[in-house]
Amino acid sequence: LFRLFGNRAAIGTSGQWTGVALIDMVIRTGISKPNVFTVDTLRLFPETYDLMRELERKYTIKIKKAVPNFETVSKMVRDHGEMIFFNSKVKQEYCCKIRKVDPNNRILDTLDVWITGLRADQSNSRSQNKRLDIIQHKQQDGVVRPLLKVTPLIKWTEEKVKDYTRTYHVPVHKLLEIERDGWHYASLGCIICTTPIGPHETRRAGRWRWFN
């Protein structure tokens, strides 16, 4: 895909197991400078920023940071407060749209191929993802156009991805390696909105826990 589409193809990663494995896999195929991006909501864990720097050093790549519009964030905070996501589900989703969805979409405006690290075992909704799918992407200018969404490791289990990262010494997020009495991080997002999950909780139970 990178040989065919060049920088119109990109891996999007938030630093979780599958995303970092994909970077390593692509580089091992001979693509020395793959296009890689991450959405920086400006509220990520310090360990997330550390990981991105470590990936850049190891693979001599530059990871693009898709950041929210400063004026839009400032207005949101003025209108609703710094901790808007505690108020209601509607406001939490609004915050996510401003900080995460909109920056991601601005990156997609520049792409023809979006390579993701989603896996079927992450949630019921993600199990519906296809390995190859043509989605209709609406650009900021209102134009709707087809975009190829590629999910190469959709059928991989988390344990298989972990084995890959250990085998090839892929840098991984430090928080994903921590476990205390069965409590661990299963997914990662913004620092306040993400908490560890217990041994009997679902993978997404740690996200916006105050709504559970």
N, C-alpha and C. Protein backbone atom coordinates (compact mmCIF):
# COMPACT_ATOMS: atom_id res chain seq x y z
N LEU A 1 0.82 -1.21 0.00
CA LEU A 1 0.00 0.00 0.00
C LEU A 1 0.86 1.26 0.00
N PHE A 2 1.92 1.25 0.79
CA PHE A 2 2.80 2.43 0.83
C PHE A 2 3.53 2.60 -0.50
N ARG A 3 3.88 1.49 -1.13
CA ARG A 3 4.55 1.60 -2.43
C ARG A 3 3.60 2.13 -3.49
N LEU A 4 2.33 1.82 -3.35
CA LEU A 4 1.34 2.24 -4.33
C LEU A 4 0.84 3.66 -4.06
N PHE A 5 0.58 3.98 -2.79
CA PHE A 5 -0.05 5.25 -2.45
C PHE A 5 0.89 6.28 -1.81
N GLY A 6 2.10 5.85 -1.43
CA GLY A 6 3.06 6.79 -0.83
C GLY A 6 2.50 7.42 0.43
N ASN A 7 2.63 8.74 0.57
CA ASN A 7 2.16 9.43 1.76
C ASN A 7 0.65 9.65 1.78
N ARG A 8 -0.05 9.14 0.76
CA ARG A 8 -1.51 9.15 0.80
C ARG A 8 -2.03 7.94 1.58
N ALA A 9 -1.10 7.13 2.08
CA ALA A 9 -1.44 6.03 2.99
C ALA A 9 -0.77 6.31 4.33
N ALA A 10 -1.41 5.94 5.43
CA ALA A 10 -0.82 6.20 6.75
C ALA A 10 -1.36 5.22 7.79
N ILE A 11 -0.48 4.91 8.74
CA ILE A 11 -0.87 4.15 9.92
C ILE A 11 -1.29 5.14 11.00
N GLY A 12 -2.48 4.93 11.54
CA GLY A 12 -2.91 5.73 12.69
C GLY A 12 -2.77 4.91 13.95
N THR A 13 -2.10 5.46 14.96
CA THR A 13 -1.90 4.71 16.20
C THR A 13 -2.03 5.61 17.41
N SER A 14 -2.59 5.05 18.48
CA SER A 14 -2.66 5.75 19.77
C SER A 14 -1.61 5.20 20.73
N GLY A 15 -0.80 4.26 20.23
CA GLY A 15 0.28 3.70 21.06
C GLY A 15 -0.06 2.38 21.70
N GLN A 16 -1.16 1.76 21.27
CA GLN A 16 -1.54 0.49 21.85
C GLN A 16 -0.84 -0.66 21.11
N TRP A 17 -1.03 -1.88 21.62
CA TRP A 17 -0.24 -3.02 21.16
C TRP A 17 -0.22 -3.15 19.63
N THR A 18 -1.38 -3.15 19.01
CA THR A 18 -1.44 -3.45 17.58
C THR A 18 -0.82 -2.34 16.74
N GLY A 19 -1.04 -1.10 17.15
CA GLY A 19 -0.50 0.02 16.37
C GLY A 19 1.01 0.01 16.29
N VAL A 20 1.68 -0.26 17.42
CA VAL A 20 3.15 -0.27 17.39
C VAL A 20 3.67 -1.48 16.63
N ALA A 21 2.94 -2.60 16.72
CA ALA A 21 3.34 -3.79 15.96
C ALA A 21 3.25 -3.52 14.46
N LEU A 22 2.22 -2.79 14.04
CA LEU A 22 2.06 -2.48 12.62
C LEU A 22 3.23 -1.65 12.10
N ILE A 23 3.67 -0.69 12.89
CA ILE A 23 4.81 0.14 12.47
C ILE A 23 6.02 -0.75 12.21
N ASP A 24 6.29 -1.65 13.14
CA ASP A 24 7.44 -2.55 13.01
C ASP A 24 7.29 -3.44 11.78
N MET A 25 6.09 -3.99 11.57
CA MET A 25 5.85 -4.89 10.44
C MET A 25 6.09 -4.19 9.10
N VAL A 26 5.57 -2.98 8.97
CA VAL A 26 5.72 -2.25 7.72
C VAL A 26 7.19 -1.95 7.44
N ILE A 27 7.91 -1.54 8.46
CA ILE A 27 9.34 -1.24 8.28
C ILE A 27 10.11 -2.50 7.90
N ARG A 28 9.70 -3.65 8.44
CA ARG A 28 10.38 -4.91 8.10
C ARG A 28 10.12 -5.33 6.66
N THR A 29 9.09 -4.78 6.03
CA THR A 29 8.85 -5.10 4.61
C THR A 29 9.73 -4.27 3.69
N GLY A 30 10.49 -3.31 4.26
CA GLY A 30 11.38 -2.50 3.44
C GLY A 30 10.91 -1.07 3.25
N ILE A 31 9.78 -0.71 3.84
CA ILE A 31 9.31 0.68 3.79
C ILE A 31 9.98 1.41 4.96
N SER A 32 11.05 2.14 4.67
CA SER A 32 11.87 2.70 5.75
C SER A 32 11.24 3.91 6.43
N LYS A 33 10.41 4.65 5.70
CA LYS A 33 9.81 5.87 6.27
C LYS A 33 8.29 5.87 6.06
N PRO A 34 7.58 4.94 6.70
CA PRO A 34 6.13 4.92 6.52
C PRO A 34 5.48 6.16 7.14
N ASN A 35 4.38 6.57 6.56
CA ASN A 35 3.60 7.69 7.07
C ASN A 35 2.83 7.20 8.31
N VAL A 36 3.09 7.79 9.46
CA VAL A 36 2.46 7.39 10.72
C VAL A 36 1.93 8.63 11.42
N PHE A 37 0.72 8.53 11.96
CA PHE A 37 0.19 9.67 12.70
C PHE A 37 -0.48 9.22 13.99
N THR A 38 -0.59 10.13 14.93
CA THR A 38 -1.33 9.90 16.17
C THR A 38 -2.14 11.14 16.47
N VAL A 39 -3.26 10.97 17.15
CA VAL A 39 -4.07 12.10 17.56
C VAL A 39 -3.64 12.52 18.96
N ASP A 40 -3.12 13.73 19.07
CA ASP A 40 -2.70 14.28 20.36
C ASP A 40 -3.81 15.20 20.86
N THR A 41 -4.61 14.70 21.79
CA THR A 41 -5.72 15.47 22.34
C THR A 41 -5.25 16.58 23.28
N LEU A 42 -3.95 16.61 23.56
CA LEU A 42 -3.33 17.51 24.54
C LEU A 42 -3.65 17.11 25.98
N ARG A 43 -4.22 15.91 26.14
CA ARG A 43 -4.52 15.38 27.47
C ARG A 43 -4.04 13.92 27.61
N LEU A 44 -3.04 13.56 26.87
CA LEU A 44 -2.57 12.17 26.89
C LEU A 44 -1.68 11.92 28.11
N PHE A 45 -1.48 10.64 28.42
CA PHE A 45 -0.58 10.25 29.49
C PHE A 45 0.86 10.65 29.14
N PRO A 46 1.67 11.02 30.12
CA PRO A 46 3.10 11.27 29.84
C PRO A 46 3.75 10.07 29.17
N GLU A 47 3.34 8.86 29.57
CA GLU A 47 3.91 7.65 28.99
C GLU A 47 3.58 7.51 27.50
N THR A 48 2.46 8.09 27.08
CA THR A 48 2.11 8.05 25.66
C THR A 48 3.07 8.90 24.84
N TYR A 49 3.36 10.10 25.35
CA TYR A 49 4.33 10.96 24.65
C TYR A 49 5.72 10.32 24.66
N ASP A 50 6.08 9.67 25.78
CA ASP A 50 7.38 8.97 25.86
C ASP A 50 7.46 7.89 24.79
N LEU A 51 6.38 7.14 24.63
CA LEU A 51 6.36 6.05 23.65
C LEU A 51 6.54 6.58 22.24
N MET A 52 5.84 7.65 21.90
CA MET A 52 5.95 8.21 20.55
C MET A 52 7.40 8.62 20.25
N ARG A 53 8.05 9.24 21.25
CA ARG A 53 9.45 9.62 21.06
C ARG A 53 10.34 8.39 20.90
N GLU A 54 10.05 7.34 21.68
CA GLU A 54 10.85 6.12 21.59
C GLU A 54 10.68 5.45 20.22
N LEU A 55 9.45 5.42 19.71
CA LEU A 55 9.21 4.85 18.38
C LEU A 55 9.95 5.65 17.31
N GLU A 56 9.94 6.96 17.44
CA GLU A 56 10.64 7.80 16.47
C GLU A 56 12.14 7.54 16.49
N ARG A 57 12.69 7.37 17.68
CA ARG A 57 14.14 7.11 17.80
C ARG A 57 14.49 5.74 17.23
N LYS A 58 13.73 4.73 17.61
CA LYS A 58 14.08 3.36 17.20
C LYS A 58 13.98 3.19 15.68
N TYR A 59 12.93 3.74 15.10
CA TYR A 59 12.68 3.50 13.67
C TYR A 59 13.08 4.67 12.77
N THR A 60 13.66 5.70 13.38
CA THR A 60 14.07 6.92 12.66
C THR A 60 12.94 7.43 11.75
N ILE A 61 11.78 7.58 12.36
CA ILE A 61 10.62 8.10 11.66
C ILE A 61 10.13 9.35 12.39
N LYS A 62 9.25 10.08 11.76
CA LYS A 62 8.59 11.23 12.38
C LYS A 62 7.10 10.94 12.43
N ILE A 63 6.55 10.86 13.64
CA ILE A 63 5.12 10.60 13.80
C ILE A 63 4.37 11.93 13.79
N LYS A 64 3.45 12.08 12.85
CA LYS A 64 2.67 13.31 12.78
C LYS A 64 1.71 13.39 13.96
N LYS A 65 1.62 14.56 14.56
CA LYS A 65 0.71 14.77 15.68
C LYS A 65 -0.50 15.58 15.18
N ALA A 66 -1.65 14.95 15.20
CA ALA A 66 -2.89 15.65 14.84
C ALA A 66 -3.46 16.26 16.11
N VAL A 67 -3.43 17.56 16.21
CA VAL A 67 -3.86 18.25 17.44
C VAL A 67 -5.17 19.00 17.19
N PRO A 68 -5.95 19.22 18.25
CA PRO A 68 -7.20 19.97 18.09
C PRO A 68 -6.94 21.45 17.80
N ASN A 69 -7.93 22.09 17.22
CA ASN A 69 -7.85 23.52 16.94
C ASN A 69 -7.85 24.29 18.26
N PHE A 70 -6.82 25.12 18.45
CA PHE A 70 -6.64 25.81 19.74
C PHE A 70 -7.82 26.72 20.06
N GLU A 71 -8.30 27.46 19.06
CA GLU A 71 -9.42 28.39 19.31
C GLU A 71 -10.68 27.64 19.70
N THR A 72 -10.91 26.49 19.05
CA THR A 72 -12.11 25.70 19.35
C THR A 72 -12.04 25.12 20.75
N VAL A 73 -10.87 24.63 21.14
CA VAL A 73 -10.69 24.10 22.49
C VAL A 73 -10.88 25.21 23.52
N SER A 74 -10.30 26.37 23.27
CA SER A 74 -10.41 27.50 24.20
C SER A 74 -11.87 27.90 24.39
N LYS A 75 -12.63 27.93 23.31
CA LYS A 75 -14.04 28.30 23.40
C LYS A 75 -14.82 27.25 24.19
N MET A 76 -14.53 25.97 23.94
CA MET A 76 -15.19 24.89 24.66
C MET A 76 -14.96 25.00 26.16
N VAL A 77 -13.71 25.27 26.54
CA VAL A 77 -13.37 25.40 27.96
C VAL A 77 -14.04 26.63 28.57
N ARG A 78 -14.06 27.73 27.83
CA ARG A 78 -14.73 28.94 28.33
C ARG A 78 -16.23 28.71 28.54
N ASP A 79 -16.83 28.01 27.60
CA ASP A 79 -18.29 27.81 27.64
C ASP A 79 -18.72 26.75 28.65
N HIS A 80 -17.89 25.70 28.81
CA HIS A 80 -18.35 24.53 29.57
C HIS A 80 -17.44 24.14 30.74
N GLY A 81 -16.26 24.76 30.84
CA GLY A 81 -15.34 24.40 31.91
C GLY A 81 -14.29 23.41 31.47
N GLU A 82 -13.21 23.34 32.23
CA GLU A 82 -12.08 22.48 31.89
C GLU A 82 -12.46 21.00 31.94
N MET A 83 -13.32 20.62 32.89
CA MET A 83 -13.68 19.21 33.08
C MET A 83 -15.07 18.93 32.50
N ILE A 84 -15.30 19.38 31.30
CA ILE A 84 -16.59 19.24 30.63
C ILE A 84 -17.09 17.80 30.59
N PHE A 85 -16.16 16.84 30.49
CA PHE A 85 -16.52 15.44 30.30
C PHE A 85 -17.19 14.82 31.52
N PHE A 86 -17.11 15.47 32.69
CA PHE A 86 -17.80 14.95 33.88
C PHE A 86 -19.28 15.31 33.87
N ASN A 87 -19.69 16.32 33.13
CA ASN A 87 -21.03 16.87 33.24
C ASN A 87 -22.12 15.96 32.70
N SER A 88 -21.94 15.43 31.51
CA SER A 88 -22.95 14.58 30.88
C SER A 88 -22.30 13.80 29.76
N LYS A 89 -22.97 12.74 29.31
CA LYS A 89 -22.47 11.95 28.19
C LYS A 89 -22.39 12.80 26.92
N VAL A 90 -23.36 13.68 26.75
CA VAL A 90 -23.38 14.54 25.57
C VAL A 90 -22.15 15.44 25.55
N LYS A 91 -21.81 16.04 26.70
CA LYS A 91 -20.65 16.93 26.75
C LYS A 91 -19.35 16.15 26.63
N GLN A 92 -19.32 14.93 27.18
CA GLN A 92 -18.12 14.10 27.02
C GLN A 92 -17.88 13.81 25.54
N GLU A 93 -18.95 13.47 24.82
CA GLU A 93 -18.81 13.18 23.40
C GLU A 93 -18.43 14.43 22.61
N TYR A 94 -18.91 15.57 23.06
CA TYR A 94 -18.54 16.84 22.42
C TYR A 94 -17.06 17.11 22.60
N CYS A 95 -16.56 16.87 23.82
CA CYS A 95 -15.13 17.04 24.09
C CYS A 95 -14.30 16.11 23.21
N CYS A 96 -14.74 14.85 23.09
CA CYS A 96 -14.03 13.88 22.24
C CYS A 96 -14.03 14.33 20.78
N LYS A 97 -15.15 14.90 20.35
CA LYS A 97 -15.23 15.37 18.96
C LYS A 97 -14.20 16.46 18.70
N ILE A 98 -14.12 17.42 19.63
CA ILE A 98 -13.20 18.55 19.46
C ILE A 98 -11.75 18.10 19.56
N ARG A 99 -11.45 17.26 20.54
CA ARG A 99 -10.05 16.90 20.82
C ARG A 99 -9.55 15.72 20.01
N LYS A 100 -10.46 14.82 19.59
CA LYS A 100 -10.00 13.58 18.96
C LYS A 100 -10.56 13.37 17.55
N VAL A 101 -11.89 13.44 17.42
CA VAL A 101 -12.51 13.11 16.14
C VAL A 101 -12.15 14.11 15.06
N ASP A 102 -12.29 15.40 15.35
CA ASP A 102 -12.00 16.42 14.34
C ASP A 102 -10.54 16.39 13.88
N PRO A 103 -9.55 16.31 14.80
CA PRO A 103 -8.15 16.22 14.33
C PRO A 103 -7.90 14.97 13.49
N ASN A 104 -8.52 13.85 13.89
CA ASN A 104 -8.36 12.62 13.11
C ASN A 104 -8.93 12.81 11.70
N ASN A 105 -10.09 13.44 11.61
CA ASN A 105 -10.70 13.66 10.30
C ASN A 105 -9.87 14.59 9.42
N ARG A 106 -9.22 15.56 10.05
CA ARG A 106 -8.37 16.47 9.26
C ARG A 106 -7.20 15.71 8.64
N ILE A 107 -6.67 14.73 9.36
CA ILE A 107 -5.61 13.88 8.80
C ILE A 107 -6.19 13.04 7.65
N LEU A 108 -7.38 12.48 7.87
CA LEU A 108 -7.98 11.64 6.83
C LEU A 108 -8.24 12.42 5.55
N ASP A 109 -8.44 13.73 5.67
CA ASP A 109 -8.61 14.57 4.47
C ASP A 109 -7.42 14.46 3.53
N THR A 110 -6.25 14.11 4.07
CA THR A 110 -5.02 14.07 3.27
C THR A 110 -4.69 12.66 2.77
N LEU A 111 -5.55 11.68 3.08
CA LEU A 111 -5.23 10.28 2.81
C LEU A 111 -6.19 9.63 1.82
N ASP A 112 -5.69 8.57 1.19
CA ASP A 112 -6.53 7.66 0.42
C ASP A 112 -6.64 6.31 1.12
N VAL A 113 -5.65 6.00 1.97
CA VAL A 113 -5.63 4.72 2.69
C VAL A 113 -5.34 4.99 4.16
N TRP A 114 -6.23 4.49 5.02
CA TRP A 114 -6.11 4.65 6.47
C TRP A 114 -5.89 3.26 7.07
N ILE A 115 -4.71 3.04 7.63
CA ILE A 115 -4.36 1.74 8.21
C ILE A 115 -4.52 1.82 9.73
N THR A 116 -5.37 0.98 10.28
CA THR A 116 -5.70 1.06 11.70
C THR A 116 -5.26 -0.20 12.44
N GLY A 117 -5.15 -0.06 13.76
CA GLY A 117 -4.76 -1.18 14.62
C GLY A 117 -5.93 -1.81 15.35
N LEU A 118 -7.13 -1.65 14.85
CA LEU A 118 -8.31 -2.23 15.51
C LEU A 118 -8.24 -3.75 15.45
N ARG A 119 -8.79 -4.39 16.50
CA ARG A 119 -8.88 -5.86 16.53
C ARG A 119 -10.30 -6.27 16.90
N ALA A 120 -10.72 -7.42 16.40
CA ALA A 120 -12.08 -7.90 16.66
C ALA A 120 -12.31 -8.21 18.13
N ASP A 121 -11.24 -8.58 18.86
CA ASP A 121 -11.43 -8.97 20.26
C ASP A 121 -11.50 -7.78 21.21
N GLN A 122 -11.45 -6.56 20.69
CA GLN A 122 -11.46 -5.39 21.56
C GLN A 122 -12.86 -5.01 22.03
N SER A 123 -13.86 -5.23 21.20
CA SER A 123 -15.24 -4.91 21.58
C SER A 123 -16.19 -5.50 20.55
N ASN A 124 -17.47 -5.55 20.90
CA ASN A 124 -18.47 -6.07 19.96
C ASN A 124 -18.53 -5.23 18.69
N SER A 125 -18.48 -3.90 18.86
CA SER A 125 -18.57 -3.04 17.69
C SER A 125 -17.35 -3.21 16.79
N ARG A 126 -16.16 -3.37 17.40
CA ARG A 126 -14.96 -3.52 16.59
C ARG A 126 -14.89 -4.88 15.90
N SER A 127 -15.62 -5.85 16.43
CA SER A 127 -15.63 -7.17 15.78
C SER A 127 -16.33 -7.12 14.43
N GLN A 128 -17.08 -6.03 14.18
CA GLN A 128 -17.78 -5.88 12.90
C GLN A 128 -16.89 -5.28 11.82
N ASN A 129 -15.70 -4.81 12.20
CA ASN A 129 -14.79 -4.23 11.22
C ASN A 129 -14.30 -5.28 10.23
N LYS A 130 -14.08 -4.85 9.01
CA LYS A 130 -13.55 -5.72 7.97
C LYS A 130 -12.06 -5.45 7.79
N ARG A 131 -11.37 -6.44 7.24
CA ARG A 131 -9.94 -6.25 6.98
C ARG A 131 -9.73 -5.14 5.95
N LEU A 132 -10.57 -5.11 4.94
CA LEU A 132 -10.55 -4.06 3.92
C LEU A 132 -11.96 -3.51 3.79
N ASP A 133 -12.08 -2.20 3.85
CA ASP A 133 -13.40 -1.60 3.76
C ASP A 133 -13.29 -0.22 3.10
N ILE A 134 -14.17 0.08 2.21
CA ILE A 134 -14.22 1.42 1.61
C ILE A 134 -15.29 2.21 2.34
N ILE A 135 -14.85 3.24 3.05
CA ILE A 135 -15.79 4.07 3.79
C ILE A 135 -15.97 5.40 3.05
N GLN A 136 -17.06 6.07 3.35
CA GLN A 136 -17.32 7.38 2.76
C GLN A 136 -16.87 8.45 3.75
N HIS A 137 -15.79 9.12 3.43
CA HIS A 137 -15.22 10.13 4.33
C HIS A 137 -15.69 11.52 3.93
N LYS A 138 -16.27 12.23 4.89
CA LYS A 138 -16.70 13.60 4.63
C LYS A 138 -15.61 14.57 5.04
N GLN A 139 -15.07 15.29 4.09
CA GLN A 139 -13.99 16.23 4.35
C GLN A 139 -14.52 17.51 5.00
N GLN A 140 -13.57 18.33 5.49
CA GLN A 140 -13.96 19.60 6.11
C GLN A 140 -14.66 20.52 5.12
N ASP A 141 -14.35 20.40 3.84
CA ASP A 141 -14.99 21.25 2.84
C ASP A 141 -16.35 20.72 2.41
N GLY A 142 -16.79 19.61 3.03
CA GLY A 142 -18.10 19.05 2.74
C GLY A 142 -18.11 17.98 1.68
N VAL A 143 -17.01 17.84 0.96
CA VAL A 143 -16.93 16.83 -0.10
C VAL A 143 -16.87 15.43 0.53
N VAL A 144 -17.67 14.52 0.01
CA VAL A 144 -17.66 13.13 0.48
C VAL A 144 -16.94 12.29 -0.58
N ARG A 145 -15.96 11.52 -0.14
CA ARG A 145 -15.20 10.71 -1.10
C ARG A 145 -14.85 9.37 -0.47
N PRO A 146 -14.58 8.35 -1.28
CA PRO A 146 -14.23 7.03 -0.74
C PRO A 146 -12.82 7.03 -0.13
N LEU A 147 -12.67 6.29 0.94
CA LEU A 147 -11.38 6.14 1.62
C LEU A 147 -11.23 4.66 1.98
N LEU A 148 -10.09 4.09 1.63
CA LEU A 148 -9.84 2.68 1.94
C LEU A 148 -9.36 2.56 3.38
N LYS A 149 -10.14 1.86 4.20
CA LYS A 149 -9.77 1.62 5.59
C LYS A 149 -9.26 0.19 5.70
N VAL A 150 -8.01 0.05 6.14
CA VAL A 150 -7.36 -1.26 6.20
C VAL A 150 -7.10 -1.62 7.66
N THR A 151 -7.53 -2.81 8.04
CA THR A 151 -7.35 -3.29 9.42
C THR A 151 -6.63 -4.63 9.36
N PRO A 152 -5.31 -4.61 9.18
CA PRO A 152 -4.56 -5.83 8.85
C PRO A 152 -4.63 -6.91 9.92
N LEU A 153 -4.66 -6.52 11.19
CA LEU A 153 -4.57 -7.51 12.28
C LEU A 153 -5.91 -7.70 12.98
N ILE A 154 -7.00 -7.53 12.24
CA ILE A 154 -8.33 -7.59 12.82
C ILE A 154 -8.59 -8.93 13.53
N LYS A 155 -8.02 -10.01 13.03
CA LYS A 155 -8.28 -11.35 13.59
C LYS A 155 -7.22 -11.78 14.62
N TRP A 156 -6.23 -10.94 14.84
CA TRP A 156 -5.21 -11.29 15.82
C TRP A 156 -5.76 -11.13 17.23
N THR A 157 -5.30 -12.00 18.13
CA THR A 157 -5.63 -11.85 19.54
C THR A 157 -4.61 -10.92 20.19
N GLU A 158 -4.96 -10.38 21.35
CA GLU A 158 -4.02 -9.50 22.05
C GLU A 158 -2.74 -10.27 22.40
N GLU A 159 -2.88 -11.52 22.79
CA GLU A 159 -1.70 -12.31 23.17
C GLU A 159 -0.77 -12.51 21.98
N LYS A 160 -1.35 -12.70 20.80
CA LYS A 160 -0.52 -12.87 19.60
C LYS A 160 0.25 -11.59 19.29
N VAL A 161 -0.41 -10.44 19.47
CA VAL A 161 0.27 -9.17 19.23
C VAL A 161 1.38 -8.97 20.26
N LYS A 162 1.09 -9.28 21.51
CA LYS A 162 2.11 -9.16 22.56
C LYS A 162 3.32 -10.03 22.25
N ASP A 163 3.06 -11.25 21.80
CA ASP A 163 4.17 -12.15 21.43
C ASP A 163 5.02 -11.53 20.33
N TYR A 164 4.36 -10.89 19.36
CA TYR A 164 5.10 -10.25 18.28
C TYR A 164 6.00 -9.14 18.82
N THR A 165 5.45 -8.29 19.69
CA THR A 165 6.24 -7.17 20.20
C THR A 165 7.44 -7.67 21.01
N ARG A 166 7.24 -8.78 21.74
CA ARG A 166 8.36 -9.32 22.51
C ARG A 166 9.42 -9.93 21.60
N THR A 167 8.96 -10.65 20.58
CA THR A 167 9.89 -11.32 19.65
C THR A 167 10.78 -10.32 18.92
N TYR A 168 10.18 -9.18 18.50
CA TYR A 168 10.92 -8.22 17.69
C TYR A 168 11.32 -6.96 18.47
N HIS A 169 11.18 -7.02 19.79
CA HIS A 169 11.63 -5.93 20.67
C HIS A 169 11.02 -4.58 20.25
N VAL A 170 9.72 -4.61 20.04
CA VAL A 170 9.00 -3.40 19.66
C VAL A 170 8.72 -2.56 20.91
N PRO A 171 9.00 -1.27 20.90
CA PRO A 171 8.66 -0.43 22.06
C PRO A 171 7.15 -0.49 22.33
N VAL A 172 6.78 -0.64 23.60
CA VAL A 172 5.36 -0.70 23.95
C VAL A 172 5.07 0.31 25.05
N HIS A 173 3.80 0.63 25.18
CA HIS A 173 3.36 1.60 26.18
C HIS A 173 3.58 1.03 27.57
N LYS A 174 4.28 1.77 28.42
CA LYS A 174 4.63 1.29 29.76
C LYS A 174 3.40 0.96 30.59
N LEU A 175 2.33 1.73 30.45
CA LEU A 175 1.13 1.47 31.26
C LEU A 175 0.47 0.14 30.90
N LEU A 176 0.62 -0.30 29.66
CA LEU A 176 0.02 -1.56 29.24
C LEU A 176 0.73 -2.77 29.86
N GLU A 177 1.93 -2.55 30.37
CA GLU A 177 2.70 -3.66 30.94
C GLU A 177 2.52 -3.78 32.45
N ILE A 178 1.79 -2.84 33.05
CA ILE A 178 1.62 -2.83 34.51
C ILE A 178 0.36 -3.59 34.89
N GLU A 179 0.48 -4.47 35.88
CA GLU A 179 -0.70 -5.16 36.42
C GLU A 179 -0.54 -5.31 37.92
N ARG A 180 -1.58 -4.93 38.65
CA ARG A 180 -1.56 -5.03 40.12
C ARG A 180 -2.85 -5.70 40.59
N ASP A 181 -2.72 -6.90 41.14
CA ASP A 181 -3.89 -7.64 41.65
C ASP A 181 -4.97 -7.79 40.58
N GLY A 182 -4.55 -7.99 39.36
CA GLY A 182 -5.49 -8.18 38.26
C GLY A 182 -5.94 -6.90 37.60
N TRP A 183 -5.63 -5.74 38.19
CA TRP A 183 -6.01 -4.46 37.61
C TRP A 183 -4.96 -4.04 36.59
N HIS A 184 -5.43 -3.61 35.42
CA HIS A 184 -4.51 -3.25 34.35
C HIS A 184 -5.21 -2.33 33.35
N TYR A 185 -4.41 -1.64 32.53
CA TYR A 185 -4.96 -0.82 31.46
C TYR A 185 -5.20 -1.71 30.24
N ALA A 186 -6.43 -1.68 29.73
CA ALA A 186 -6.76 -2.46 28.53
C ALA A 186 -6.84 -1.57 27.30
N SER A 187 -7.08 -0.28 27.51
CA SER A 187 -7.09 0.68 26.41
C SER A 187 -6.58 2.00 26.95
N LEU A 188 -6.19 2.87 26.03
CA LEU A 188 -5.58 4.13 26.45
C LEU A 188 -6.18 5.29 25.69
N GLY A 189 -6.49 6.34 26.42
CA GLY A 189 -6.99 7.56 25.80
C GLY A 189 -6.44 8.74 26.56
N CYS A 190 -7.31 9.68 26.90
CA CYS A 190 -6.89 10.84 27.68
C CYS A 190 -6.64 10.45 29.14
N ILE A 191 -5.80 11.21 29.80
CA ILE A 191 -5.30 10.83 31.11
C ILE A 191 -6.39 10.76 32.18
N ILE A 192 -7.38 11.64 32.13
CA ILE A 192 -8.44 11.62 33.14
C ILE A 192 -9.53 10.62 32.75
N CYS A 193 -9.77 10.48 31.48
CA CYS A 193 -10.89 9.66 31.00
C CYS A 193 -10.58 8.18 30.90
N THR A 194 -9.36 7.77 31.23
CA THR A 194 -8.96 6.37 31.13
C THR A 194 -8.46 5.87 32.49
N THR A 195 -9.02 4.77 32.96
CA THR A 195 -8.59 4.17 34.22
C THR A 195 -8.34 2.68 34.00
N PRO A 196 -7.60 2.03 34.90
CA PRO A 196 -7.42 0.57 34.77
C PRO A 196 -8.75 -0.16 34.96
N ILE A 197 -8.79 -1.39 34.47
CA ILE A 197 -9.97 -2.23 34.68
C ILE A 197 -9.62 -3.38 35.62
N GLY A 198 -10.65 -3.88 36.31
CA GLY A 198 -10.47 -5.02 37.21
C GLY A 198 -10.54 -6.33 36.45
N PRO A 199 -10.21 -7.44 37.12
CA PRO A 199 -10.12 -8.74 36.45
C PRO A 199 -11.44 -9.23 35.85
N HIS A 200 -12.58 -8.73 36.33
CA HIS A 200 -13.86 -9.21 35.82
C HIS A 200 -14.61 -8.14 35.01
N GLU A 201 -13.91 -7.08 34.64
CA GLU A 201 -14.56 -6.01 33.89
C GLU A 201 -14.29 -6.14 32.40
N THR A 202 -15.16 -5.53 31.60
CA THR A 202 -14.96 -5.52 30.16
C THR A 202 -13.82 -4.56 29.80
N ARG A 203 -13.31 -4.70 28.59
CA ARG A 203 -12.15 -3.92 28.16
C ARG A 203 -12.40 -2.42 28.22
N ARG A 204 -13.63 -1.99 27.94
CA ARG A 204 -13.92 -0.56 27.86
C ARG A 204 -14.46 0.00 29.17
N ALA A 205 -14.50 -0.81 30.21
CA ALA A 205 -15.05 -0.34 31.49
C ALA A 205 -14.24 0.79 32.11
N GLY A 206 -12.97 0.88 31.74
CA GLY A 206 -12.12 1.92 32.29
C GLY A 206 -12.24 3.26 31.60
N ARG A 207 -13.02 3.33 30.54
CA ARG A 207 -13.19 4.59 29.82
C ARG A 207 -14.43 5.32 30.36
N TRP A 208 -14.25 6.56 30.76
CA TRP A 208 -15.34 7.38 31.31
C TRP A 208 -16.10 6.59 32.39
N ARG A 209 -15.33 6.10 33.35
CA ARG A 209 -15.87 5.19 34.36
C ARG A 209 -17.04 5.79 35.12
N TRP A 210 -17.08 7.12 35.29
CA TRP A 210 -18.15 7.73 36.07
C TRP A 210 -19.52 7.59 35.42
N PHE A 211 -19.57 7.18 34.14
CA PHE A 211 -20.86 6.95 33.48
C PHE A 211 -21.31 5.51 33.61
N ASN A 212 -20.44 4.60 34.09
CA ASN A 212 -20.78 3.18 34.18
C ASN A 212 -21.71 2.93 35.36
